[in-house]
Amino acid sequence: MHRRELLGLLSRHQTRFIEESAHLDRARAFVDAHEDCFHCDLWPGHVTGSAWVVSPDRRQVLLMHHRKHGQWFQPGGHADGDADILRVALRETSEETGVDPSHIRLVSGDIFDLDIHVIPASPRGPRHEHFDVRFLVEMDDDMPIPGNDESHQVIWVPLMHVSRYNNNRSTYRMVEKTRRLRTLMDACA
């Protein structure tokens, strides 16, 4: 995957959320303008990959308490130069949960959500933005999730309680999208 592949994913992504739509326009312009958009030393910002991990029945979400940021997030991270952002999201999910990749099932190769958020200045670098491309994956919620040293804890959270752990707007969007998927699943059952 090269920038063209990500630009294709971005152009196919549709959302009913106004804020995400604005992120989509900005992300396309950013990726188009920066050949090195997948490198974490590009300081205006860079592309990251994440996974919104749900249980097969879409009633639970896997969240990790991020050690560096002290907040609950979905698994994800830097591309480190890898232009295949889906591969990045799946790799980061496996690394951060400690779960073998064979237990992580991709629901769709299309973008599930897109967010742009600011990362404050730190000893590692100046203030910058993450253009976070998120994919929907599922895992069985009855298997052990050992985690790794990047998180204090990794837990399954009932969908209706996710806002108790993280109530930012992008998490709200993903919860709402998951609720809609669950409604569709229930209607088809």
Protein backbone atom coordinates (compact mmCIF):
# COMPACT_ATOMS: atom_id res chain seq x y z
CA MET A 1 0.00 0.00 0.00
CA HIS A 2 1.24 3.45 -0.89
CA ARG A 3 -0.37 6.84 -0.34
CA ARG A 4 -2.65 6.10 -3.30
CA GLU A 5 -4.15 3.16 -1.41
CA LEU A 6 -4.88 5.28 1.65
CA LEU A 7 -6.26 8.07 -0.51
CA GLY A 8 -8.57 5.49 -2.10
CA LEU A 9 -9.76 4.32 1.32
CA LEU A 10 -10.34 7.91 2.37
CA SER A 11 -12.26 8.74 -0.80
CA ARG A 12 -14.57 5.72 -0.29
CA HIS A 13 -15.25 6.47 3.38
CA GLN A 14 -18.63 8.02 4.07
CA THR A 15 -19.91 9.34 7.37
CA ARG A 16 -23.03 10.95 8.74
CA PHE A 17 -20.98 12.80 11.39
CA ILE A 18 -20.13 16.40 10.43
CA GLU A 19 -16.92 16.50 12.46
CA GLU A 20 -15.64 13.29 10.89
CA SER A 21 -16.52 14.63 7.45
CA ALA A 22 -14.28 17.65 8.13
CA HIS A 23 -11.52 15.30 9.33
CA LEU A 24 -11.91 13.37 6.08
CA ASP A 25 -11.33 16.48 3.95
CA ARG A 26 -8.29 17.48 6.03
CA ALA A 27 -6.84 13.96 5.98
CA ARG A 28 -7.12 13.67 2.20
CA ALA A 29 -5.36 17.02 1.77
CA PHE A 30 -2.67 16.08 4.29
CA VAL A 31 -1.91 12.65 2.79
CA ASP A 32 -1.92 14.12 -0.71
CA ALA A 33 0.55 16.86 0.31
CA HIS A 34 3.03 14.73 2.32
CA GLU A 35 4.79 11.77 0.74
CA ASP A 36 6.26 10.97 4.16
CA CYS A 37 2.88 11.05 5.96
CA PHE A 38 3.49 7.58 7.46
CA HIS A 39 6.70 8.63 9.25
CA CYS A 40 6.39 9.62 12.90
CA ASP A 41 9.09 12.27 12.58
CA LEU A 42 6.88 14.39 10.29
CA TRP A 43 6.01 17.05 12.83
CA PRO A 44 3.02 18.82 11.47
CA GLY A 45 1.45 15.40 11.92
CA HIS A 46 1.45 11.83 10.67
CA VAL A 47 -0.88 8.97 9.86
CA THR A 48 -1.57 6.41 12.59
CA GLY A 49 -3.59 3.20 12.53
CA SER A 50 -6.05 1.94 15.13
CA ALA A 51 -8.59 -0.81 15.61
CA TRP A 52 -11.97 -0.56 17.25
CA VAL A 53 -12.13 -4.04 18.77
CA VAL A 54 -15.60 -5.45 19.41
CA SER A 55 -16.94 -8.76 20.63
CA PRO A 56 -18.68 -10.92 18.01
CA ASP A 57 -22.11 -9.84 19.32
CA ARG A 58 -21.03 -6.14 19.25
CA ARG A 59 -22.03 -5.74 22.91
CA GLN A 60 -18.50 -5.17 24.25
CA VAL A 61 -15.49 -3.09 23.26
CA LEU A 62 -11.86 -3.72 24.16
CA LEU A 63 -10.16 -0.70 25.74
CA MET A 64 -6.65 -0.25 27.07
CA HIS A 65 -5.53 2.16 29.76
CA HIS A 66 -2.62 3.81 27.97
CA ARG A 67 0.45 4.12 30.19
CA LYS A 68 1.89 7.24 28.52
CA HIS A 69 -1.35 9.22 28.23
CA GLY A 70 -3.14 7.90 31.32
CA GLN A 71 -6.40 7.48 29.39
CA TRP A 72 -8.52 4.65 27.99
CA PHE A 73 -8.21 4.16 24.22
CA GLN A 74 -8.62 1.57 21.50
CA PRO A 75 -5.40 -0.19 20.39
CA GLY A 76 -3.37 1.64 17.75
CA GLY A 77 -0.18 3.47 17.01
CA HIS A 78 2.41 4.85 14.65
CA ALA A 79 2.88 3.51 11.15
CA ASP A 80 6.69 3.79 11.45
CA GLY A 81 6.93 4.30 7.70
CA ASP A 82 4.59 1.42 6.79
CA ALA A 83 2.17 2.69 4.13
CA ASP A 84 -0.23 -0.25 4.68
CA ILE A 85 -2.28 1.40 7.42
CA LEU A 86 -4.56 -1.61 7.79
CA ARG A 87 -1.53 -3.80 8.50
CA VAL A 88 -0.38 -1.18 11.02
CA ALA A 89 -3.73 -1.25 12.82
CA LEU A 90 -3.74 -5.05 13.00
CA ARG A 91 -0.09 -5.20 14.12
CA GLU A 92 -0.67 -2.60 16.84
CA THR A 93 -3.77 -4.47 18.03
CA SER A 94 -1.80 -7.69 18.39
CA GLU A 95 1.15 -5.98 20.09
CA GLU A 96 -0.90 -3.91 22.53
CA THR A 97 -3.33 -6.66 23.51
CA GLY A 98 -0.79 -9.47 23.54
CA VAL A 99 -3.19 -11.54 21.43
CA ASP A 100 -1.91 -13.68 18.58
CA PRO A 101 -2.92 -12.20 15.19
CA SER A 102 -4.84 -15.38 14.34
CA HIS A 103 -7.43 -14.42 16.99
CA ILE A 104 -8.01 -10.94 15.55
CA ARG A 105 -10.66 -10.94 12.83
CA LEU A 106 -11.00 -8.03 10.44
CA VAL A 107 -14.68 -7.15 9.99
CA SER A 108 -14.06 -4.88 7.00
CA GLY A 109 -11.07 -3.53 5.10
CA ASP A 110 -12.88 -0.21 4.79
CA ILE A 111 -12.26 2.62 7.22
CA PHE A 112 -14.54 2.40 10.25
CA ASP A 113 -13.72 5.85 11.63
CA LEU A 114 -11.29 8.68 11.07
CA ASP A 115 -10.10 11.10 13.71
CA ILE A 116 -7.57 13.91 13.89
CA HIS A 117 -6.33 14.72 17.35
CA VAL A 118 -3.54 16.81 18.82
CA ILE A 119 -0.60 15.23 20.62
CA PRO A 120 0.99 17.67 23.08
CA ALA A 121 4.70 18.49 23.01
CA SER A 122 6.89 16.05 24.91
CA PRO A 123 10.58 15.17 25.16
CA ARG A 124 10.01 12.99 22.05
CA GLY A 125 8.88 15.89 19.87
CA PRO A 126 6.83 19.03 19.37
CA ARG A 127 3.05 19.35 19.42
CA HIS A 128 1.60 17.62 16.35
CA GLU A 129 -1.49 15.88 15.00
CA HIS A 130 -2.34 12.24 14.52
CA PHE A 131 -4.44 11.44 11.47
CA ASP A 132 -5.85 8.25 12.96
CA VAL A 133 -7.35 5.74 10.52
CA ARG A 134 -9.49 3.20 12.36
CA PHE A 135 -10.68 -0.24 11.29
CA LEU A 136 -13.31 -2.50 12.81
CA VAL A 137 -12.07 -5.85 14.13
CA GLU A 138 -13.50 -8.47 16.43
CA MET A 139 -12.11 -10.84 19.02
CA ASP A 140 -13.74 -13.40 21.22
CA ASP A 141 -14.44 -11.72 24.53
CA ASP A 142 -13.90 -14.89 26.56
CA MET A 143 -10.20 -15.29 25.79
CA PRO A 144 -7.45 -13.87 28.03
CA ILE A 145 -6.03 -10.48 26.99
CA PRO A 146 -2.53 -10.23 28.50
CA GLY A 147 -1.73 -6.71 27.24
CA ASN A 148 1.81 -5.35 27.11
CA ASP A 149 4.00 -2.71 28.74
CA GLU A 150 2.26 0.16 26.87
CA SER A 151 -0.87 -0.17 29.00
CA HIS A 152 -1.76 -0.44 32.65
CA GLN A 153 -4.75 -2.62 31.85
CA VAL A 154 -6.73 -4.03 28.92
CA ILE A 155 -10.41 -4.81 29.55
CA TRP A 156 -13.70 -5.56 27.85
CA VAL A 157 -16.22 -2.80 28.48
CA PRO A 158 -19.96 -3.13 27.80
CA LEU A 159 -20.82 -0.84 24.89
CA MET A 160 -23.30 1.08 27.03
CA HIS A 161 -20.55 1.90 29.56
CA VAL A 162 -17.74 3.00 27.22
CA SER A 163 -18.37 6.70 27.97
CA ARG A 164 -17.45 6.04 31.61
CA TYR A 165 -13.93 5.25 30.40
CA ASN A 166 -13.57 7.64 27.48
CA ASN A 167 -16.15 10.25 26.61
CA ASN A 168 -14.37 12.07 23.79
CA ARG A 169 -16.25 12.78 20.59
CA SER A 170 -14.43 10.24 18.45
CA THR A 171 -15.15 7.43 20.91
CA TYR A 172 -18.79 8.52 20.96
CA ARG A 173 -18.86 8.21 17.15
CA MET A 174 -17.46 4.69 17.25
CA VAL A 175 -19.93 3.65 19.96
CA GLU A 176 -22.82 5.04 17.87
CA LYS A 177 -21.56 3.24 14.76
CA THR A 178 -21.31 0.00 16.76
CA ARG A 179 -24.85 0.44 18.10
CA ARG A 180 -26.09 0.78 14.52
CA LEU A 181 -24.23 -2.38 13.51
CA ARG A 182 -25.72 -4.24 16.45
CA THR A 183 -29.21 -3.05 15.49
CA LEU A 184 -28.62 -4.36 11.96
CA MET A 185 -27.38 -7.68 13.34
CA ASP A 186 -30.45 -8.00 15.57
CA ALA A 187 -32.75 -7.17 12.65
CA CYS A 188 -31.18 -9.87 10.49
CA ALA A 189 -31.33 -12.52 13.21
